Protein backbone atom coordinates (compact mmCIF):
# COMPACT_ATOMS: atom_id res chain seq x y z
CA MET A 1 0.00 0.00 0.00
CA ILE A 2 1.33 3.42 -0.99
CA GLU A 3 0.96 6.34 1.39
CA TRP A 4 1.56 9.98 0.51
CA HIS A 5 3.04 12.17 3.25
CA TRP A 6 2.22 15.43 1.46
CA LEU A 7 -0.62 14.53 -0.89
CA TRP A 8 -1.43 18.21 -1.40
CA ALA A 9 1.76 18.55 -3.45
CA LEU A 10 0.10 16.70 -6.33
CA TRP A 11 -2.06 19.78 -6.90
CA LEU A 12 1.07 21.35 -8.36
CA LEU A 13 1.09 18.94 -11.33
CA PRO A 14 -1.03 21.13 -13.68
CA LEU A 15 0.96 24.27 -12.82
CA PRO A 16 2.96 24.29 -16.12
CA ILE A 17 -0.29 24.04 -18.11
CA ILE A 18 -1.78 26.91 -16.14
CA MET A 19 1.32 29.00 -16.73
CA ARG A 20 1.09 28.15 -20.45
CA LEU A 21 -2.51 29.36 -20.62
CA ILE A 22 -1.69 32.69 -19.00
CA PRO A 23 -1.21 35.26 -21.79
CA ALA A 24 2.37 36.37 -22.12
CA VAL A 25 3.15 40.02 -21.57
CA LYS A 26 4.42 41.60 -24.77
CA ARG A 27 7.69 43.44 -24.47
CA ASP A 28 9.76 45.38 -26.92
CA GLU A 29 12.90 43.50 -25.91
CA ALA A 30 13.22 39.75 -25.98
CA ALA A 31 13.26 38.14 -22.55
CA LEU A 32 15.93 35.63 -23.55
CA LYS A 33 18.77 36.24 -25.94
CA VAL A 34 20.38 33.32 -27.72
CA PRO A 35 22.94 33.33 -30.54
CA SER A 36 20.65 31.38 -32.86
CA PHE A 37 17.06 30.45 -32.09
CA THR A 38 17.15 28.11 -35.06
CA LEU A 39 19.79 25.98 -33.33
CA TRP A 40 17.64 25.80 -30.19
CA GLN A 41 14.53 24.90 -32.13
CA ASN A 42 16.11 22.36 -34.45
CA ASP A 43 18.27 20.59 -31.90
CA PHE A 44 15.80 20.37 -29.06
CA GLY A 45 12.34 21.38 -30.27
CA GLN A 46 12.39 18.99 -33.19
CA TYR A 47 14.83 16.14 -33.34
CA GLN A 48 14.76 14.06 -36.50
CA VAL A 49 14.74 10.28 -36.19
CA GLY A 50 15.07 8.91 -39.69
CA SER A 51 12.40 10.68 -41.76
CA THR A 52 10.22 11.48 -38.74
CA LYS A 53 10.52 14.62 -36.64
CA VAL A 54 9.85 14.05 -32.96
CA ASN A 55 8.97 17.03 -30.77
CA PHE A 56 10.48 16.74 -27.28
CA ALA A 57 10.08 20.38 -26.42
CA TRP A 58 7.02 19.86 -24.24
CA LEU A 59 7.39 16.19 -23.26
CA LEU A 60 10.64 16.15 -21.30
CA PRO A 61 9.98 19.27 -19.20
CA CYS A 62 6.54 17.93 -18.29
CA LEU A 63 7.98 14.58 -17.24
CA ILE A 64 10.70 16.30 -15.23
CA TRP A 65 8.12 18.47 -13.49
CA ALA A 66 5.94 15.42 -12.75
CA GLY A 67 8.89 13.55 -11.24
CA LEU A 68 9.79 16.47 -8.99
CA VAL A 69 6.19 16.93 -7.81
CA VAL A 70 5.73 13.22 -7.10
CA ALA A 71 9.00 13.18 -5.13
CA LEU A 72 7.82 16.25 -3.19
CA ALA A 73 4.64 14.37 -2.21
CA ARG A 74 6.92 11.83 -0.42
CA PRO A 75 5.38 8.48 -1.44
CA SER A 76 6.18 5.51 0.79
CA TRP A 77 5.28 1.84 0.82
CA LEU A 78 3.53 0.52 3.94
CA GLY A 79 4.17 -3.14 4.74
CA ASP A 80 1.94 -5.53 6.62
CA VAL A 81 1.08 -4.84 10.26
CA VAL A 82 3.65 -6.33 12.66
CA GLU A 83 2.77 -6.90 16.33
CA LEU A 84 5.64 -6.40 18.76
CA PRO A 85 6.05 -8.92 21.59
CA VAL A 86 5.20 -7.06 24.81
CA SER A 87 4.67 -9.14 27.94
CA GLY A 88 5.01 -6.41 30.54
CA ARG A 89 7.00 -8.54 32.97
CA ASP A 90 9.40 -6.52 35.10
CA LEU A 91 11.82 -8.75 36.99
CA MET A 92 14.52 -7.64 39.37
CA MET A 93 17.17 -10.30 40.03
CA ALA A 94 19.20 -10.20 43.25
CA VAL A 95 22.25 -12.48 43.25
CA ASP A 96 24.46 -13.33 46.22
CA ILE A 97 28.19 -12.89 45.45
CA SER A 98 29.46 -13.25 49.02
CA GLY A 99 32.50 -15.36 49.93
CA SER A 100 30.49 -18.56 50.45
CA MET A 101 29.54 -18.60 46.74
CA GLU A 102 33.06 -19.88 45.98
CA ILE A 103 32.23 -23.37 47.37
CA LYS A 104 32.56 -25.93 44.56
CA ASP A 105 29.57 -28.16 45.25
CA MET A 106 27.97 -27.75 41.79
CA GLU A 107 28.77 -29.41 38.47
CA ILE A 108 28.80 -28.42 34.81
CA ASN A 109 29.31 -31.31 32.39
CA GLY A 110 30.64 -33.45 35.22
CA LYS A 111 33.17 -30.87 36.34
CA ALA A 112 32.99 -29.33 39.82
CA VAL A 113 32.51 -25.54 39.73
CA ASP A 114 31.78 -22.85 42.29
CA ARG A 115 28.24 -21.72 42.97
CA LEU A 116 28.55 -18.34 41.26
CA SER A 117 29.70 -19.99 38.02
CA ILE A 118 26.63 -22.20 37.88
CA VAL A 119 24.39 -19.24 38.67
CA LYS A 120 25.87 -17.34 35.73
CA GLU A 121 25.41 -20.37 33.48
CA VAL A 122 21.73 -20.80 34.35
CA LEU A 123 20.89 -17.10 34.47
CA ASN A 124 22.33 -16.52 31.00
CA ASP A 125 19.82 -18.99 29.59
CA PHE A 126 17.09 -17.41 31.71
CA ILE A 127 17.93 -13.96 30.34
CA ASP A 128 17.83 -15.29 26.76
CA ARG A 129 14.23 -16.40 27.28
CA ARG A 130 13.07 -13.02 28.59
CA GLU A 131 12.69 -11.33 25.22
CA GLY A 132 10.36 -8.35 25.53
CA ASP A 133 10.68 -8.18 29.33
CA ARG A 134 12.49 -5.64 31.48
CA LEU A 135 15.22 -7.05 33.69
CA GLY A 136 17.25 -5.51 36.51
CA LEU A 137 20.24 -6.84 38.45
CA ILE A 138 21.29 -6.40 42.08
CA LEU A 139 24.51 -7.94 43.41
CA PHE A 140 24.94 -8.22 47.15
CA GLY A 141 27.48 -9.35 49.72
CA SER A 142 28.25 -7.24 52.77
CA ASN A 143 26.47 -4.46 50.84
CA ALA A 144 23.87 -4.43 48.08
CA TYR A 145 24.54 -2.68 44.78
CA LEU A 146 22.28 -1.96 41.81
CA GLN A 147 24.22 -3.10 38.75
CA THR A 148 21.52 -2.45 36.13
CA PRO A 149 18.14 -0.77 36.57
CA LEU A 150 15.12 -2.29 34.84
CA THR A 151 15.86 -2.31 31.13
CA PHE A 152 14.98 -4.04 27.87
CA ASP A 153 18.70 -4.26 27.11
CA ARG A 154 19.29 -7.89 28.05
CA GLU A 155 22.84 -7.81 26.73
CA THR A 156 23.83 -5.18 29.28
CA VAL A 157 22.29 -7.22 32.10
CA ARG A 158 24.16 -10.29 30.89
CA THR A 159 27.45 -8.39 30.70
CA PHE A 160 27.24 -7.09 34.27
CA LEU A 161 26.24 -10.54 35.52
CA ASN A 162 29.16 -12.24 33.81
CA GLU A 163 31.58 -9.61 35.13
CA ALA A 164 30.50 -10.19 38.74
CA ALA A 165 33.37 -11.48 40.88
CA LEU A 166 33.33 -13.38 44.15
CA GLY A 167 33.66 -11.11 47.17
CA LEU A 168 33.27 -7.96 45.04
CA ALA A 169 30.53 -6.69 47.36
CA GLY A 170 32.13 -8.09 50.52
CA LYS A 171 32.41 -11.51 52.19
CA LYS A 172 29.23 -11.34 54.27
CA THR A 173 25.57 -11.54 53.20
CA ALA A 174 23.15 -8.58 53.42
CA ILE A 175 19.87 -10.16 52.32
CA GLY A 176 17.70 -7.50 53.97
CA ASP A 177 19.55 -4.65 52.25
CA ALA A 178 19.17 -6.37 48.86
CA ILE A 179 15.39 -6.66 49.37
CA ALA A 180 15.16 -3.02 50.49
CA LEU A 181 17.13 -1.83 47.46
CA ALA A 182 14.95 -3.85 45.08
CA ALA A 183 11.81 -2.50 46.75
CA LYS A 184 13.02 1.04 46.25
CA ARG A 185 13.67 0.43 42.55
CA LEU A 186 10.33 -1.35 42.00
CA GLU A 187 8.20 1.13 43.94
CA SER A 188 7.29 3.21 40.89
CA ASN A 189 6.32 0.19 38.76
CA PRO A 190 2.76 -1.05 38.23
CA ALA A 191 1.71 -3.16 41.22
CA GLU A 192 1.11 -6.31 39.16
CA SER A 193 4.66 -6.31 37.77
CA ARG A 194 6.69 -5.79 40.94
CA VAL A 195 8.65 -9.03 41.11
CA LEU A 196 11.97 -9.84 42.78
CA VAL A 197 13.87 -13.12 42.36
CA LEU A 198 16.41 -13.43 45.17
CA LEU A 199 19.14 -16.09 45.17
CA THR A 200 21.44 -16.76 48.12
CA ASP A 201 23.38 -19.62 49.69
CA GLY A 202 23.47 -18.41 53.28
CA ALA A 203 21.87 -16.40 56.04
CA ASN A 204 21.71 -12.68 56.71
CA THR A 205 25.00 -11.70 58.37
CA ALA A 206 25.29 -8.01 57.44
CA GLY A 207 23.25 -4.98 56.52
CA GLU A 208 21.08 -2.42 58.26
CA ILE A 209 17.70 -4.11 57.94
CA GLU A 210 16.51 -7.60 58.77
CA PRO A 211 15.28 -9.68 55.83
CA VAL A 212 11.85 -10.38 57.32
CA LYS A 213 11.31 -6.70 58.11
CA ALA A 214 12.35 -5.75 54.57
CA ALA A 215 9.94 -8.40 53.24
CA GLU A 216 7.08 -6.91 55.28
CA LEU A 217 7.77 -3.51 53.76
CA ALA A 218 7.95 -5.07 50.30
CA ALA A 219 4.61 -6.80 50.90
CA GLN A 220 3.02 -3.45 51.75
CA MET A 221 4.27 -2.13 48.43
CA GLY A 222 2.79 -5.09 46.56
CA ILE A 223 6.14 -6.63 45.64
CA ARG A 224 6.20 -10.39 45.11
CA ILE A 225 9.47 -12.07 46.09
CA HIS A 226 10.56 -15.52 44.94
CA THR A 227 13.49 -16.84 46.95
CA ILE A 228 16.04 -19.50 45.95
CA GLY A 229 18.28 -21.30 48.43
CA LEU A 230 21.37 -22.58 46.63
CA GLY A 231 23.79 -25.28 47.76
CA ALA A 232 24.21 -29.05 47.88
CA ASP A 233 23.13 -31.05 50.95
CA SER A 234 26.40 -32.94 51.02
CA MET A 235 29.79 -33.04 49.36
CA GLU A 236 32.97 -34.99 49.79
CA VAL A 237 36.06 -33.13 50.99
CA THR A 238 39.58 -34.43 51.34
CA SER A 239 41.74 -33.54 54.32
CA PHE A 240 44.82 -34.79 56.15
CA PHE A 241 42.67 -37.40 57.87
CA GLY A 242 41.15 -38.66 54.60
CA SER A 243 37.85 -38.08 52.83
CA GLN A 244 34.67 -37.18 54.61
CA ARG A 245 31.22 -35.94 53.71
CA VAL A 246 30.07 -32.56 54.95
CA ASN A 247 27.01 -30.36 54.53
CA PRO A 248 28.14 -27.26 52.59
CA SER A 249 24.71 -25.65 53.06
CA ARG A 250 24.61 -25.77 56.85
CA ASP A 251 24.51 -21.95 57.00
CA LEU A 252 21.57 -21.64 54.60
CA ASP A 253 18.60 -20.06 56.40
CA GLU A 254 15.74 -21.82 54.64
CA ASP A 255 13.18 -20.73 57.24
CA SER A 256 13.82 -17.04 56.61
CA LEU A 257 13.76 -17.48 52.84
CA ARG A 258 10.51 -19.39 53.05
CA LYS A 259 8.98 -16.72 55.30
CA ILE A 260 10.07 -13.94 52.94
CA ALA A 261 8.33 -15.69 50.05
CA ASP A 262 5.17 -16.39 52.09
CA LEU A 263 4.89 -12.79 53.29
CA THR A 264 5.03 -11.39 49.77
CA GLY A 265 2.97 -14.00 47.92
CA GLY A 266 5.99 -15.56 46.24
CA LYS A 267 7.48 -19.04 46.32
CA PHE A 268 10.52 -20.56 47.98
CA PHE A 269 12.71 -22.90 45.94
CA ARG A 270 15.57 -25.13 46.99
CA ALA A 271 18.32 -25.75 44.43
CA ARG A 272 20.71 -28.56 45.40
CA ASN A 273 22.21 -29.05 41.95
CA THR A 274 22.36 -27.61 38.48
CA GLY A 275 19.28 -29.43 37.23
CA GLU A 276 17.12 -28.16 40.06
CA LEU A 277 18.33 -24.58 39.55
CA GLU A 278 17.48 -24.74 35.83
CA GLU A 279 14.03 -26.12 36.65
CA ILE A 280 13.41 -23.34 39.17
CA TYR A 281 14.14 -20.60 36.66
CA THR A 282 11.93 -22.35 34.13
CA ILE A 283 9.08 -22.17 36.63
CA ILE A 284 9.80 -18.52 37.35
CA ASP A 285 9.88 -17.94 33.61
CA GLN A 286 6.17 -18.80 33.55
CA LEU A 287 5.09 -15.90 35.80
CA GLU A 288 1.88 -14.17 34.75
CA PRO A 289 2.67 -11.09 32.63
CA THR A 290 1.25 -7.64 33.20
CA GLU A 291 -1.64 -6.84 30.89
CA LYS A 292 -0.59 -4.20 28.39
CA ASP A 293 -1.98 -3.04 25.09
CA PRO A 294 -0.11 -4.74 22.25
CA GLU A 295 2.24 -2.50 20.31
CA ILE A 296 2.00 -2.67 16.54
CA TYR A 297 3.79 -0.98 13.71
CA ARG A 298 3.89 -1.06 9.92
CA PRO A 299 7.30 -1.07 8.24
CA GLN A 300 7.64 1.93 5.94
CA THR A 301 9.89 2.22 2.90
CA SER A 302 10.43 5.62 1.26
CA LEU A 303 9.92 5.75 -2.52
CA TYR A 304 10.52 9.45 -3.26
CA GLN A 305 14.07 8.80 -4.47
CA TRP A 306 12.83 6.96 -7.59
CA PRO A 307 10.78 9.80 -9.17
CA LEU A 308 13.56 12.17 -8.13
CA LEU A 309 16.12 9.98 -9.90
CA ALA A 310 13.88 9.82 -12.98
CA ALA A 311 13.62 13.62 -13.03
CA LEU A 312 17.42 13.89 -12.82
CA ILE A 313 17.96 11.46 -15.70
CA LEU A 314 15.39 13.27 -17.85
CA SER A 315 17.08 16.58 -17.04
CA LEU A 316 20.37 15.16 -18.31
CA ILE A 317 18.65 13.97 -21.48
CA GLN A 318 17.11 17.41 -21.98
CA GLY A 319 20.51 18.96 -21.49
CA VAL A 320 21.99 16.72 -24.16
CA PHE A 321 19.28 17.72 -26.66
CA SER A 322 19.58 21.41 -25.77
CA SER A 323 23.35 21.52 -26.15
CA GLY A 324 23.26 20.62 -29.83
CA VAL A 325 25.46 17.58 -29.39
CA LEU A 326 23.11 15.31 -31.33
CA SER A 327 22.73 17.83 -34.12
CA ARG A 328 26.48 18.12 -34.54
CA PHE A 329 26.77 14.33 -34.41
CA ASN A 330 24.14 13.94 -37.15
CA SER A 331 25.82 16.66 -39.23
CA THR A 332 29.18 14.95 -38.90
CA LYS A 333 27.64 11.60 -39.78
CA GLY A 334 25.86 13.07 -42.81
CA GLY A 335 29.04 14.75 -44.03
CA ALA A 336 30.98 11.53 -43.73
CA LEU A 337 28.42 9.75 -45.88
């Protein structure tokens, strides 16, 4: 479908005809002086093709004018309607990067890795699936820091996540401060889209606010918090006295995490291995989206350059006829014969 941006410009098409019909004002002196009007008339007004004389004097200028007017009207081609994927989900992710996240009780392809590495691995896939959603990232240890505010730029969120280093925010764990910071950033969002996904492997050991108190405040603001407790139930360690099995998650405060989720209408998840963590984020990936009006657009391709190009080419042709080049060429050809 063709759309005209300035359709009114087409009213200028008959302007040369109107100007032609207006009686010319007679003057004693010619308005235009040329060395030989015969040369002008013969070379451009009437050009002989074989035994037939073709008059281009009116045709080319009219076509040039038409091309310029059509280009001025700015025609464009409208494509089919395209609906943009808009889900309206706003998710803030809070990730623990305290010292305990360096424990290697997780596996990737059979190789033991630290907890933060597996979190990055799983979260990268999670971020890939969130096309059309706004994501934010908070990293916390002894202090909580906002790495990226809510944004559609998933690549930026991924970059800051992958650049996170163990102990960067301190060795301790400030769960309450992370919740408070997320609540502050989500406060201005629509109530139905205020969601925080908090992942930690320990208990609150730092910060200015208790996690449960922060959760109560978040609940008053309508923020839903899903909590994830990360860490294996047992792992084998080797020491001077031989191998023994220990519980690397003995410091994980599951009761507090469960209470935080219950207070805010979220869910508590326990991730003991890579598979469980992937499954948890798949479940979270199915959160109900915020209802928003779908955004649509129609791709638009400008076409004005084509009539403009045609007018330019015709102007060059007119210039060739007006210059007498063809007449001299025909004269030279006739003389040679």
